[in-house]
Amino acid sequence: MSPERTKGQVFPGLLILKFYKMQTKIELKSGFSTGYLPEGVTYKNYTMLVAIANYSENGSCVGTATALLDEDNDLAKKRGHLAFTGGFMRAVAMGSFADAWNRADGTNRKALIKGLELNEIEL
């Protein structure tokens, strides 16, 4: 039911729920130690992963970025995520900003733009 179609009508027992996205922002670090991320993931890639984890509305990409950034996940698990990830997240994790931009959907482009605006992405 759209609000326009139901305006002015009463529906006894109808409960309207609103969901708010609550997310703890991942802190951008000035570097990371060897063994934190799989081989081939540079600091530039790390900054894009943080931007996607913090600002994207694409749940799948947020989940992948968060899993790769999770300090509790070991390298084998992170390599497994990379092995089965799609083209955009692979570009974020191991490619260039241009590769990621060209493969991004609208919500991921907005996340990359926000990361750039806040000077959180290293090019």
PDB file of N, CA and C in Angstrom:
ATOM      1  N   MET A   1       0.839  -1.179   0.000  1.00  0.00           N
ATOM      2  CA  MET A   1       0.000   0.000   0.000  1.00  0.00           C
ATOM      3  C   MET A   1       0.880   1.237   0.000  1.00  0.00           C
ATOM      4  N   SER A   2       0.665   2.077  -0.942  1.00  0.00           N
ATOM      5  CA  SER A   2       1.430   3.319  -0.976  1.00  0.00           C
ATOM      6  C   SER A   2       0.704   4.370  -0.137  1.00  0.00           C
ATOM      7  N   PRO A   3       1.437   5.305   0.433  1.00  0.00           N
ATOM      8  CA  PRO A   3       0.811   6.356   1.240  1.00  0.00           C
ATOM      9  C   PRO A   3      -0.204   7.163   0.453  1.00  0.00           C
ATOM     10  N   GLU A   4       0.042   7.372  -0.852  1.00  0.00           N
ATOM     11  CA  GLU A   4      -0.892   8.143  -1.676  1.00  0.00           C
ATOM     12  C   GLU A   4      -2.239   7.436  -1.810  1.00  0.00           C
ATOM     13  N   ARG A   5      -2.206   6.107  -1.940  1.00  0.00           N
ATOM     14  CA  ARG A   5      -3.441   5.339  -2.133  1.00  0.00           C
ATOM     15  C   ARG A   5      -4.227   5.197  -0.846  1.00  0.00           C
ATOM     16  N   THR A   6      -3.573   5.302   0.298  1.00  0.00           N
ATOM     17  CA  THR A   6      -4.254   5.047   1.566  1.00  0.00           C
ATOM     18  C   THR A   6      -4.480   6.314   2.378  1.00  0.00           C
ATOM     19  N   LYS A   7      -4.126   7.465   1.837  1.00  0.00           N
ATOM     20  CA  LYS A   7      -4.252   8.725   2.568  1.00  0.00           C
ATOM     21  C   LYS A   7      -5.709   8.956   2.975  1.00  0.00           C
ATOM     22  N   GLY A   8      -5.885   9.235   4.253  1.00  0.00           N
ATOM     23  CA  GLY A   8      -7.218   9.518   4.758  1.00  0.00           C
ATOM     24  C   GLY A   8      -8.008   8.277   5.131  1.00  0.00           C
ATOM     25  N   GLN A   9      -7.520   7.087   4.865  1.00  0.00           N
ATOM     26  CA  GLN A   9      -8.216   5.858   5.213  1.00  0.00           C
ATOM     27  C   GLN A   9      -7.705   5.339   6.546  1.00  0.00           C
ATOM     28  N   VAL A  10      -8.555   4.634   7.256  1.00  0.00           N
ATOM     29  CA  VAL A  10      -8.176   4.065   8.547  1.00  0.00           C
ATOM     30  C   VAL A  10      -8.090   2.553   8.408  1.00  0.00           C
ATOM     31  N   PHE A  11      -7.017   1.969   8.913  1.00  0.00           N
ATOM     32  CA  PHE A  11      -6.819   0.530   8.875  1.00  0.00           C
ATOM     33  C   PHE A  11      -6.588   0.041  10.296  1.00  0.00           C
ATOM     34  N   PRO A  12      -7.633  -0.435  10.965  1.00  0.00           N
ATOM     35  CA  PRO A  12      -7.472  -0.892  12.346  1.00  0.00           C
ATOM     36  C   PRO A  12      -6.437  -2.025  12.422  1.00  0.00           C
ATOM     37  N   GLY A  13      -5.563  -1.918  13.378  1.00  0.00           N
ATOM     38  CA  GLY A  13      -4.566  -2.958  13.587  1.00  0.00           C
ATOM     39  C   GLY A  13      -3.333  -2.840  12.708  1.00  0.00           C
ATOM     40  N   LEU A  14      -3.287  -1.819  11.848  1.00  0.00           N
ATOM     41  CA  LEU A  14      -2.134  -1.651  10.978  1.00  0.00           C
ATOM     42  C   LEU A  14      -0.991  -1.011  11.758  1.00  0.00           C
ATOM     43  N   LEU A  15       0.150  -1.647  11.704  1.00  0.00           N
ATOM     44  CA  LEU A  15       1.340  -1.152  12.380  1.00  0.00           C
ATOM     45  C   LEU A  15       2.371  -0.776  11.325  1.00  0.00           C
ATOM     46  N   ILE A  16       2.860   0.430  11.397  1.00  0.00           N
ATOM     47  CA  ILE A  16       3.859   0.889  10.446  1.00  0.00           C
ATOM     48  C   ILE A  16       5.194   0.933  11.163  1.00  0.00           C
ATOM     49  N   LEU A  17       6.158   0.221  10.604  1.00  0.00           N
ATOM     50  CA  LEU A  17       7.498   0.178  11.183  1.00  0.00           C
ATOM     51  C   LEU A  17       8.455   0.960  10.297  1.00  0.00           C
ATOM     52  N   LYS A  18       9.362   1.666  10.923  1.00  0.00           N
ATOM     53  CA  LYS A  18      10.418   2.355  10.201  1.00  0.00           C
ATOM     54  C   LYS A  18      11.731   1.769  10.667  1.00  0.00           C
ATOM     55  N   PHE A  19      12.589   1.456   9.727  1.00  0.00           N
ATOM     56  CA  PHE A  19      13.891   0.897  10.047  1.00  0.00           C
ATOM     57  C   PHE A  19      14.952   1.963   9.810  1.00  0.00           C
ATOM     58  N   TYR A  20      15.823   2.081  10.752  1.00  0.00           N
ATOM     59  CA  TYR A  20      16.924   3.018  10.642  1.00  0.00           C
ATOM     60  C   TYR A  20      18.215   2.241  10.611  1.00  0.00           C
ATOM     61  N   LYS A  21      19.056   2.574   9.672  1.00  0.00           N
ATOM     62  CA  LYS A  21      20.340   1.901   9.528  1.00  0.00           C
ATOM     63  C   LYS A  21      21.285   2.453  10.598  1.00  0.00           C
ATOM     64  N   MET A  22      21.671   1.596  11.515  1.00  0.00           N
ATOM     65  CA  MET A  22      22.610   1.993  12.554  1.00  0.00           C
ATOM     66  C   MET A  22      23.909   1.250  12.281  1.00  0.00           C
ATOM     67  N   GLN A  23      24.961   1.994  12.190  1.00  0.00           N
ATOM     68  CA  GLN A  23      26.233   1.385  11.840  1.00  0.00           C
ATOM     69  C   GLN A  23      27.342   2.091  12.597  1.00  0.00           C
ATOM     70  N   THR A  24      28.242   1.315  13.123  1.00  0.00           N
ATOM     71  CA  THR A  24      29.425   1.876  13.744  1.00  0.00           C
ATOM     72  C   THR A  24      30.444   2.132  12.652  1.00  0.00           C
ATOM     73  N   LYS A  25      30.926   3.349  12.592  1.00  0.00           N
ATOM     74  CA  LYS A  25      31.886   3.711  11.557  1.00  0.00           C
ATOM     75  C   LYS A  25      33.226   3.044  11.837  1.00  0.00           C
ATOM     76  N   ILE A  26      33.815   2.487  10.785  1.00  0.00           N
ATOM     77  CA  ILE A  26      35.131   1.873  10.892  1.00  0.00           C
ATOM     78  C   ILE A  26      36.167   2.993  10.830  1.00  0.00           C
ATOM     79  N   GLU A  27      37.061   2.994  11.782  1.00  0.00           N
ATOM     80  CA  GLU A  27      38.083   4.034  11.856  1.00  0.00           C
ATOM     81  C   GLU A  27      39.149   3.809  10.784  1.00  0.00           C
ATOM     82  N   LEU A  28      39.460   4.867  10.053  1.00  0.00           N
ATOM     83  CA  LEU A  28      40.510   4.811   9.039  1.00  0.00           C
ATOM     84  C   LEU A  28      41.857   4.965   9.729  1.00  0.00           C
ATOM     85  N   LYS A  29      42.706   3.979   9.560  1.00  0.00           N
ATOM     86  CA  LYS A  29      44.033   4.009  10.177  1.00  0.00           C
ATOM     87  C   LYS A  29      45.055   4.539   9.181  1.00  0.00           C
ATOM     88  N   SER A  30      46.166   5.022   9.683  1.00  0.00           N
ATOM     89  CA  SER A  30      47.196   5.591   8.813  1.00  0.00           C
ATOM     90  C   SER A  30      48.044   4.514   8.133  1.00  0.00           C
ATOM     91  N   GLY A  31      47.795   3.267   8.447  1.00  0.00           N
ATOM     92  CA  GLY A  31      48.516   2.152   7.845  1.00  0.00           C
ATOM     93  C   GLY A  31      48.024   0.851   8.454  1.00  0.00           C
ATOM     94  N   PHE A  32      48.555  -0.256   7.975  1.00  0.00           N
ATOM     95  CA  PHE A  32      48.194  -1.552   8.549  1.00  0.00           C
ATOM     96  C   PHE A  32      49.396  -2.472   8.487  1.00  0.00           C
ATOM     97  N   SER A  33      49.420  -3.411   9.396  1.00  0.00           N
ATOM     98  CA  SER A  33      50.570  -4.309   9.503  1.00  0.00           C
ATOM     99  C   SER A  33      50.489  -5.439   8.482  1.00  0.00           C
ATOM    100  N   THR A  34      51.647  -6.023   8.191  1.00  0.00           N
ATOM    101  CA  THR A  34      51.713  -7.179   7.305  1.00  0.00           C
ATOM    102  C   THR A  34      50.897  -8.303   7.923  1.00  0.00           C
ATOM    103  N   GLY A  35      50.091  -8.942   7.120  1.00  0.00           N
ATOM    104  CA  GLY A  35      49.262 -10.036   7.611  1.00  0.00           C
ATOM    105  C   GLY A  35      47.854  -9.617   7.977  1.00  0.00           C
ATOM    106  N   TYR A  36      47.568  -8.313   7.945  1.00  0.00           N
ATOM    107  CA  TYR A  36      46.209  -7.836   8.243  1.00  0.00           C
ATOM    108  C   TYR A  36      45.285  -8.061   7.056  1.00  0.00           C
ATOM    109  N   LEU A  37      45.784  -7.804   5.850  1.00  0.00           N
ATOM    110  CA  LEU A  37      45.014  -8.003   4.627  1.00  0.00           C
ATOM    111  C   LEU A  37      45.800  -8.896   3.679  1.00  0.00           C
ATOM    112  N   PRO A  38      45.109  -9.620   2.794  1.00  0.00           N
ATOM    113  CA  PRO A  38      45.802 -10.515   1.860  1.00  0.00           C
ATOM    114  C   PRO A  38      46.800  -9.773   0.977  1.00  0.00           C
ATOM    115  N   GLU A  39      47.778 -10.511   0.493  1.00  0.00           N
ATOM    116  CA  GLU A  39      48.777  -9.967  -0.412  1.00  0.00           C
ATOM    117  C   GLU A  39      48.088  -9.364  -1.628  1.00  0.00           C
ATOM    118  N   GLY A  40      48.543  -8.204  -2.047  1.00  0.00           N
ATOM    119  CA  GLY A  40      47.954  -7.525  -3.197  1.00  0.00           C
ATOM    120  C   GLY A  40      47.005  -6.412  -2.811  1.00  0.00           C
ATOM    121  N   VAL A  41      46.610  -6.363  -1.541  1.00  0.00           N
ATOM    122  CA  VAL A  41      45.744  -5.286  -1.059  1.00  0.00           C
ATOM    123  C   VAL A  41      46.655  -4.187  -0.517  1.00  0.00           C
ATOM    124  N   THR A  42      46.635  -3.039  -1.186  1.00  0.00           N
ATOM    125  CA  THR A  42      47.495  -1.922  -0.802  1.00  0.00           C
ATOM    126  C   THR A  42      46.763  -0.996   0.170  1.00  0.00           C
ATOM    127  N   TYR A  43      47.492  -0.004   0.665  1.00  0.00           N
ATOM    128  CA  TYR A  43      46.852   0.989   1.542  1.00  0.00           C
ATOM    129  C   TYR A  43      45.770   1.753   0.783  1.00  0.00           C
ATOM    130  N   LYS A  44      45.988   2.026  -0.495  1.00  0.00           N
ATOM    131  CA  LYS A  44      44.969   2.698  -1.307  1.00  0.00           C
ATOM    132  C   LYS A  44      43.695   1.851  -1.353  1.00  0.00           C
ATOM    133  N   ASN A  45      43.855   0.545  -1.524  1.00  0.00           N
ATOM    134  CA  ASN A  45      42.697  -0.350  -1.525  1.00  0.00           C
ATOM    135  C   ASN A  45      42.021  -0.356  -0.156  1.00  0.00           C
ATOM    136  N   TYR A  46      42.836  -0.373   0.888  1.00  0.00           N
ATOM    137  CA  TYR A  46      42.314  -0.344   2.254  1.00  0.00           C
ATOM    138  C   TYR A  46      41.415   0.881   2.458  1.00  0.00           C
ATOM    139  N   THR A  47      41.846   2.058   1.960  1.00  0.00           N
ATOM    140  CA  THR A  47      41.036   3.266   2.158  1.00  0.00           C
ATOM    141  C   THR A  47      39.699   3.162   1.422  1.00  0.00           C
ATOM    142  N   MET A  48      39.696   2.519   0.253  1.00  0.00           N
ATOM    143  CA  MET A  48      38.425   2.322  -0.464  1.00  0.00           C
ATOM    144  C   MET A  48      37.539   1.330   0.268  1.00  0.00           C
ATOM    145  N   LEU A  49      38.124   0.273   0.833  1.00  0.00           N
ATOM    146  CA  LEU A  49      37.345  -0.699   1.608  1.00  0.00           C
ATOM    147  C   LEU A  49      36.662  -0.022   2.793  1.00  0.00           C
ATOM    148  N   VAL A  50      37.379   0.853   3.475  1.00  0.00           N
ATOM    149  CA  VAL A  50      36.800   1.569   4.615  1.00  0.00           C
ATOM    150  C   VAL A  50      35.646   2.453   4.148  1.00  0.00           C
ATOM    151  N   ALA A  51      35.807   3.145   3.025  1.00  0.00           N
ATOM    152  CA  ALA A  51      34.740   3.995   2.495  1.00  0.00           C
ATOM    153  C   ALA A  51      33.500   3.172   2.153  1.00  0.00           C
ATOM    154  N   ILE A  52      33.687   2.025   1.517  1.00  0.00           N
ATOM    155  CA  ILE A  52      32.542   1.173   1.176  1.00  0.00           C
ATOM    156  C   ILE A  52      31.877   0.645   2.448  1.00  0.00           C
ATOM    157  N   ALA A  53      32.668   0.196   3.400  1.00  0.00           N
ATOM    158  CA  ALA A  53      32.110  -0.317   4.658  1.00  0.00           C
ATOM    159  C   ALA A  53      31.325   0.764   5.404  1.00  0.00           C
ATOM    160  N   ASN A  54      31.810   1.995   5.360  1.00  0.00           N
ATOM    161  CA  ASN A  54      31.185   3.074   6.124  1.00  0.00           C
ATOM    162  C   ASN A  54      30.035   3.777   5.418  1.00  0.00           C
ATOM    163  N   TYR A  55      30.070   3.872   4.099  1.00  0.00           N
ATOM    164  CA  TYR A  55      29.124   4.757   3.414  1.00  0.00           C
ATOM    165  C   TYR A  55      28.234   4.106   2.359  1.00  0.00           C
ATOM    166  N   SER A  56      28.519   2.885   1.952  1.00  0.00           N
ATOM    167  CA  SER A  56      27.697   2.257   0.918  1.00  0.00           C
ATOM    168  C   SER A  56      26.355   1.805   1.484  1.00  0.00           C
ATOM    169  N   GLU A  57      25.352   1.818   0.637  1.00  0.00           N
ATOM    170  CA  GLU A  57      24.035   1.293   0.996  1.00  0.00           C
ATOM    171  C   GLU A  57      23.821  -0.085   0.390  1.00  0.00           C
ATOM    172  N   ASN A  58      24.831  -0.626  -0.272  1.00  0.00           N
ATOM    173  CA  ASN A  58      24.765  -1.957  -0.858  1.00  0.00           C
ATOM    174  C   ASN A  58      25.209  -2.958   0.215  1.00  0.00           C
ATOM    175  N   GLY A  59      24.252  -3.663   0.788  1.00  0.00           N
ATOM    176  CA  GLY A  59      24.522  -4.556   1.904  1.00  0.00           C
ATOM    177  C   GLY A  59      25.549  -5.628   1.624  1.00  0.00           C
ATOM    178  N   SER A  60      25.535  -6.176   0.428  1.00  0.00           N
ATOM    179  CA  SER A  60      26.499  -7.212   0.068  1.00  0.00           C
ATOM    180  C   SER A  60      27.923  -6.654   0.079  1.00  0.00           C
ATOM    181  N   CYS A  61      28.097  -5.477  -0.502  1.00  0.00           N
ATOM    182  CA  CYS A  61      29.427  -4.863  -0.552  1.00  0.00           C
ATOM    183  C   CYS A  61      29.886  -4.430   0.836  1.00  0.00           C
ATOM    184  N   VAL A  62      28.971  -3.898   1.631  1.00  0.00           N
ATOM    185  CA  VAL A  62      29.308  -3.524   3.009  1.00  0.00           C
ATOM    186  C   VAL A  62      29.759  -4.758   3.774  1.00  0.00           C
ATOM    187  N   GLY A  63      29.055  -5.866   3.599  1.00  0.00           N
ATOM    188  CA  GLY A  63      29.409  -7.109   4.282  1.00  0.00           C
ATOM    189  C   GLY A  63      30.784  -7.614   3.887  1.00  0.00           C
ATOM    190  N   THR A  64      31.080  -7.574   2.595  1.00  0.00           N
ATOM    191  CA  THR A  64      32.392  -8.030   2.125  1.00  0.00           C
ATOM    192  C   THR A  64      33.502  -7.123   2.642  1.00  0.00           C
ATOM    193  N   ALA A  65      33.296  -5.805   2.539  1.00  0.00           N
ATOM    194  CA  ALA A  65      34.320  -4.861   3.015  1.00  0.00           C
ATOM    195  C   ALA A  65      34.543  -5.018   4.512  1.00  0.00           C
ATOM    196  N   THR A  66      33.467  -5.161   5.268  1.00  0.00           N
ATOM    197  CA  THR A  66      33.573  -5.318   6.719  1.00  0.00           C
ATOM    198  C   THR A  66      34.298  -6.614   7.073  1.00  0.00           C
ATOM    199  N   ALA A  67      33.999  -7.685   6.355  1.00  0.00           N
ATOM    200  CA  ALA A  67      34.667  -8.968   6.610  1.00  0.00           C
ATOM    201  C   ALA A  67      36.163  -8.871   6.319  1.00  0.00           C
ATOM    202  N   LEU A  68      36.521  -8.156   5.263  1.00  0.00           N
ATOM    203  CA  LEU A  68      37.938  -8.005   4.927  1.00  0.00           C
ATOM    204  C   LEU A  68      38.667  -7.123   5.940  1.00  0.00           C
ATOM    205  N   LEU A  69      37.968  -6.180   6.531  1.00  0.00           N
ATOM    206  CA  LEU A  69      38.576  -5.266   7.495  1.00  0.00           C
ATOM    207  C   LEU A  69      38.536  -5.784   8.928  1.00  0.00           C
ATOM    208  N   ASP A  70      37.760  -6.832   9.157  1.00  0.00           N
ATOM    209  CA  ASP A  70      37.593  -7.370  10.514  1.00  0.00           C
ATOM    210  C   ASP A  70      38.899  -7.953  11.036  1.00  0.00           C
ATOM    211  N   GLU A  71      39.386  -7.407  12.129  1.00  0.00           N
ATOM    212  CA  GLU A  71      40.653  -7.865  12.703  1.00  0.00           C
ATOM    213  C   GLU A  71      40.559  -9.277  13.271  1.00  0.00           C
ATOM    214  N   ASP A  72      39.342  -9.757  13.528  1.00  0.00           N
ATOM    215  CA  ASP A  72      39.160 -11.100  14.075  1.00  0.00           C
ATOM    216  C   ASP A  72      39.182 -12.188  12.998  1.00  0.00           C
ATOM    217  N   ASN A  73      39.048 -11.788  11.737  1.00  0.00           N
ATOM    218  CA  ASN A  73      39.112 -12.761  10.640  1.00  0.00           C
ATOM    219  C   ASN A  73      40.571 -12.999  10.255  1.00  0.00           C
ATOM    220  N   ASP A  74      40.932 -14.262  10.110  1.00  0.00           N
ATOM    221  CA  ASP A  74      42.314 -14.559   9.719  1.00  0.00           C
ATOM    222  C   ASP A  74      42.479 -14.394   8.203  1.00  0.00           C
ATOM    223  N   LEU A  75      43.709 -14.433   7.757  1.00  0.00           N
ATOM    224  CA  LEU A  75      44.002 -14.226   6.333  1.00  0.00           C
ATOM    225  C   LEU A  75      43.340 -15.255   5.433  1.00  0.00           C
ATOM    226  N   ALA A  76      43.268 -16.488   5.876  1.00  0.00           N
ATOM    227  CA  ALA A  76      42.641 -17.531   5.052  1.00  0.00           C
ATOM    228  C   ALA A  76      41.173 -17.189   4.781  1.00  0.00           C
ATOM    229  N   LYS A  77      40.487 -16.713   5.792  1.00  0.00           N
ATOM    230  CA  LYS A  77      39.075 -16.341   5.630  1.00  0.00           C
ATOM    231  C   LYS A  77      38.951 -15.134   4.694  1.00  0.00           C
ATOM    232  N   LYS A  78      39.863 -14.172   4.848  1.00  0.00           N
ATOM    233  CA  LYS A  78      39.830 -12.986   3.985  1.00  0.00           C
ATOM    234  C   LYS A  78      40.145 -13.357   2.538  1.00  0.00           C
ATOM    235  N   ARG A  79      41.090 -14.263   2.341  1.00  0.00           N
ATOM    236  CA  ARG A  79      41.385 -14.741   0.976  1.00  0.00           C
ATOM    237  C   ARG A  79      40.164 -15.430   0.378  1.00  0.00           C
ATOM    238  N   GLY A  80      39.442 -16.179   1.202  1.00  0.00           N
ATOM    239  CA  GLY A  80      38.218 -16.837   0.744  1.00  0.00           C
ATOM    240  C   GLY A  80      37.175 -15.836   0.293  1.00  0.00           C
ATOM    241  N   HIS A  81      37.022 -14.749   1.026  1.00  0.00           N
ATOM    242  CA  HIS A  81      36.084 -13.692   0.615  1.00  0.00           C
ATOM    243  C   HIS A  81      36.493 -13.125  -0.732  1.00  0.00           C
ATOM    244  N   LEU A  82      37.777 -12.855  -0.903  1.00  0.00           N
ATOM    245  CA  LEU A  82      38.253 -12.292  -2.170  1.00  0.00           C
ATOM    246  C   LEU A  82      38.086 -13.259  -3.336  1.00  0.00           C
ATOM    247  N   ALA A  83      38.234 -14.545  -3.067  1.00  0.00           N
ATOM    248  CA  ALA A  83      38.129 -15.547  -4.138  1.00  0.00           C
ATOM    249  C   ALA A  83      36.726 -15.596  -4.741  1.00  0.00           C
ATOM    250  N   PHE A  84      35.728 -15.262  -3.932  1.00  0.00           N
ATOM    251  CA  PHE A  84      34.346 -15.395  -4.403  1.00  0.00           C
ATOM    252  C   PHE A  84      33.626 -14.063  -4.539  1.00  0.00           C
ATOM    253  N   THR A  85      34.358 -12.983  -4.485  1.00  0.00           N
ATOM    254  CA  THR A  85      33.716 -11.673  -4.583  1.00  0.00           C
ATOM    255  C   THR A  85      33.558 -11.248  -6.038  1.00  0.00           C
ATOM    256  N   GLY A  86      32.637 -10.327  -6.262  1.00  0.00           N
ATOM    257  CA  GLY A  86      32.362  -9.856  -7.616  1.00  0.00           C
ATOM    258  C   GLY A  86      33.386  -8.849  -8.114  1.00  0.00           C
ATOM    259  N   GLY A  87      33.199  -8.395  -9.334  1.00  0.00           N
ATOM    260  CA  GLY A  87      34.149  -7.512  -9.989  1.00  0.00           C
ATOM    261  C   GLY A  87      34.369  -6.192  -9.281  1.00  0.00           C
ATOM    262  N   PHE A  88      33.299  -5.579  -8.763  1.00  0.00           N
ATOM    263  CA  PHE A  88      33.459  -4.297  -8.095  1.00  0.00           C
ATOM    264  C   PHE A  88      34.288  -4.440  -6.825  1.00  0.00           C
ATOM    265  N   MET A  89      33.938  -5.375  -5.974  1.00  0.00           N
ATOM    266  CA  MET A  89      34.668  -5.523  -4.711  1.00  0.00           C
ATOM    267  C   MET A  89      36.092  -6.012  -4.948  1.00  0.00           C
ATOM    268  N   ARG A  90      36.297  -6.775  -5.993  1.00  0.00           N
ATOM    269  CA  ARG A  90      37.663  -7.200  -6.321  1.00  0.00           C
ATOM    270  C   ARG A  90      38.478  -5.984  -6.754  1.00  0.00           C
ATOM    271  N   ALA A  91      37.850  -5.073  -7.516  1.00  0.00           N
ATOM    272  CA  ALA A  91      38.535  -3.843  -7.927  1.00  0.00           C
ATOM    273  C   ALA A  91      38.837  -2.958  -6.710  1.00  0.00           C
ATOM    274  N   VAL A  92      37.905  -2.870  -5.785  1.00  0.00           N
ATOM    275  CA  VAL A  92      38.124  -2.089  -4.567  1.00  0.00           C
ATOM    276  C   VAL A  92      39.290  -2.681  -3.781  1.00  0.00           C
ATOM    277  N   ALA A  93      39.291  -3.994  -3.630  1.00  0.00           N
ATOM    278  CA  ALA A  93      40.282  -4.657  -2.785  1.00  0.00           C
ATOM    279  C   ALA A  93      41.651  -4.802  -3.445  1.00  0.00           C
ATOM    280  N   MET A  94      41.693  -4.913  -4.771  1.00  0.00           N
ATOM    281  CA  MET A  94      42.976  -5.215  -5.396  1.00  0.00           C
ATOM    282  C   MET A  94      43.274  -4.396  -6.649  1.00  0.00           C
ATOM    283  N   GLY A  95      42.350  -3.563  -7.071  1.00  0.00           N
ATOM    284  CA  GLY A  95      42.559  -2.786  -8.294  1.00  0.00           C
ATOM    285  C   GLY A  95      42.775  -1.321  -8.000  1.00  0.00           C
ATOM    286  N   SER A  96      42.533  -0.510  -8.998  1.00  0.00           N
ATOM    287  CA  SER A  96      42.707   0.930  -8.868  1.00  0.00           C
ATOM    288  C   SER A  96      41.369   1.602  -8.584  1.00  0.00           C
ATOM    289  N   PHE A  97      41.438   2.870  -8.197  1.00  0.00           N
ATOM    290  CA  PHE A  97      40.218   3.634  -7.992  1.00  0.00           C
ATOM    291  C   PHE A  97      39.406   3.679  -9.283  1.00  0.00           C
ATOM    292  N   ALA A  98      40.091   3.877 -10.412  1.00  0.00           N
ATOM    293  CA  ALA A  98      39.394   3.943 -11.708  1.00  0.00           C
ATOM    294  C   ALA A  98      38.660   2.638 -12.001  1.00  0.00           C
ATOM    295  N   ASP A  99      39.290   1.502 -11.715  1.00  0.00           N
ATOM    296  CA  ASP A  99      38.628   0.202 -11.920  1.00  0.00           C
ATOM    297  C   ASP A  99      37.379   0.105 -11.048  1.00  0.00           C
ATOM    298  N   ALA A 100      37.524   0.478  -9.785  1.00  0.00           N
ATOM    299  CA  ALA A 100      36.388   0.404  -8.861  1.00  0.00           C
ATOM    300  C   ALA A 100      35.270   1.334  -9.315  1.00  0.00           C
ATOM    301  N   TRP A 101      35.615   2.544  -9.706  1.00  0.00           N
ATOM    302  CA  TRP A 101      34.622   3.527 -10.154  1.00  0.00           C
ATOM    303  C   TRP A 101      33.852   2.999 -11.369  1.00  0.00           C
ATOM    304  N   ASN A 102      34.561   2.426 -12.310  1.00  0.00           N
ATOM    305  CA  ASN A 102      33.920   1.933 -13.536  1.00  0.00           C
ATOM    306  C   ASN A 102      32.996   0.749 -13.279  1.00  0.00           C
ATOM    307  N   ARG A 103      33.213   0.007 -12.210  1.00  0.00           N
ATOM    308  CA  ARG A 103      32.384  -1.166 -11.907  1.00  0.00           C
ATOM    309  C   ARG A 103      31.316  -0.887 -10.847  1.00  0.00           C
ATOM    310  N   ALA A 104      31.342   0.298 -10.265  1.00  0.00           N
ATOM    311  CA  ALA A 104      30.438   0.622  -9.153  1.00  0.00           C
ATOM    312  C   ALA A 104      29.016   0.891  -9.620  1.00  0.00           C
ATOM    313  N   ASP A 105      28.059   0.515  -8.763  1.00  0.00           N
ATOM    314  CA  ASP A 105      26.678   0.925  -8.994  1.00  0.00           C
ATOM    315  C   ASP A 105      26.502   2.308  -8.352  1.00  0.00           C
ATOM    316  N   GLY A 106      25.310   2.845  -8.409  1.00  0.00           N
ATOM    317  CA  GLY A 106      25.064   4.195  -7.901  1.00  0.00           C
ATOM    318  C   GLY A 106      25.381   4.378  -6.425  1.00  0.00           C
ATOM    319  N   THR A 107      24.980   3.422  -5.589  1.00  0.00           N
ATOM    320  CA  THR A 107      25.221   3.581  -4.153  1.00  0.00           C
ATOM    321  C   THR A 107      26.702   3.459  -3.822  1.00  0.00           C
ATOM    322  N   ASN A 108      27.407   2.621  -4.531  1.00  0.00           N
ATOM    323  CA  ASN A 108      28.838   2.497  -4.278  1.00  0.00           C
ATOM    324  C   ASN A 108      29.611   3.703  -4.813  1.00  0.00           C
ATOM    325  N   ARG A 109      29.133   4.294  -5.905  1.00  0.00           N
ATOM    326  CA  ARG A 109      29.771   5.525  -6.381  1.00  0.00           C
ATOM    327  C   ARG A 109      29.575   6.639  -5.356  1.00  0.00           C
ATOM    328  N   LYS A 110      28.391   6.711  -4.769  1.00  0.00           N
ATOM    329  CA  LYS A 110      28.136   7.718  -3.726  1.00  0.00           C
ATOM    330  C   LYS A 110      29.070   7.496  -2.540  1.00  0.00           C
ATOM    331  N   ALA A 111      29.303   6.252  -2.177  1.00  0.00           N
ATOM    332  CA  ALA A 111      30.203   5.942  -1.060  1.00  0.00           C
ATOM    333  C   ALA A 111      31.631   6.359  -1.387  1.00  0.00           C
ATOM    334  N   LEU A 112      32.067   6.104  -2.615  1.00  0.00           N
ATOM    335  CA  LEU A 112      33.408   6.509  -3.028  1.00  0.00           C
ATOM    336  C   LEU A 112      33.530   8.038  -3.050  1.00  0.00           C
ATOM    337  N   ILE A 113      32.496   8.707  -3.525  1.00  0.00           N
ATOM    338  CA  ILE A 113      32.502  10.173  -3.535  1.00  0.00           C
ATOM    339  C   ILE A 113      32.592  10.719  -2.113  1.00  0.00           C
ATOM    340  N   LYS A 114      31.817  10.148  -1.201  1.00  0.00           N
ATOM    341  CA  LYS A 114      31.857  10.621   0.189  1.00  0.00           C
ATOM    342  C   LYS A 114      33.247  10.410   0.784  1.00  0.00           C
ATOM    343  N   GLY A 115      33.852   9.258   0.512  1.00  0.00           N
ATOM    344  CA  GLY A 115      35.207   9.005   0.987  1.00  0.00           C
ATOM    345  C   GLY A 115      36.199  10.023   0.439  1.00  0.00           C
ATOM    346  N   LEU A 116      36.029  10.400  -0.824  1.00  0.00           N
ATOM    347  CA  LEU A 116      36.894  11.426  -1.429  1.00  0.00           C
ATOM    348  C   LEU A 116      36.646  12.790  -0.797  1.00  0.00           C
ATOM    349  N   GLU A 117      35.374  13.141  -0.628  1.00  0.00           N
ATOM    350  CA  GLU A 117      35.029  14.437  -0.041  1.00  0.00           C
ATOM    351  C   GLU A 117      35.597  14.604   1.366  1.00  0.00           C
ATOM    352  N   LEU A 118      35.654  13.511   2.103  1.00  0.00           N
ATOM    353  CA  LEU A 118      36.161  13.556   3.478  1.00  0.00           C
ATOM    354  C   LEU A 118      37.675  13.289   3.547  1.00  0.00           C
ATOM    355  N   ASN A 119      38.305  13.237   2.383  1.00  0.00           N
ATOM    356  CA  ASN A 119      39.743  12.965   2.286  1.00  0.00           C
ATOM    357  C   ASN A 119      40.130  11.660   2.963  1.00  0.00           C
ATOM    358  N   GLU A 120      39.282  10.649   2.819  1.00  0.00           N
ATOM    359  CA  GLU A 120      39.537   9.345   3.426  1.00  0.00           C
ATOM    360  C   GLU A 120      40.049   8.319   2.427  1.00  0.00           C
ATOM    361  N   ILE A 121      40.010   8.652   1.144  1.00  0.00           N
ATOM    362  CA  ILE A 121      40.503   7.728   0.119  1.00  0.00           C
ATOM    363  C   ILE A 121      41.806   8.272  -0.428  1.00  0.00           C
ATOM    364  N   GLU A 122      42.794   7.420  -0.445  1.00  0.00           N
ATOM    365  CA  GLU A 122      44.086   7.798  -1.005  1.00  0.00           C
ATOM    366  C   GLU A 122      44.108   7.374  -2.471  1.00  0.00           C
ATOM    367  N   LEU A 123      44.456   8.285  -3.336  1.00  0.00           N
ATOM    368  CA  LEU A 123      44.521   7.981  -4.764  1.00  0.00           C
ATOM    369  C   LEU A 123      45.949   7.727  -5.211  1.00  0.00           C
TER     370      LEU A 123
END
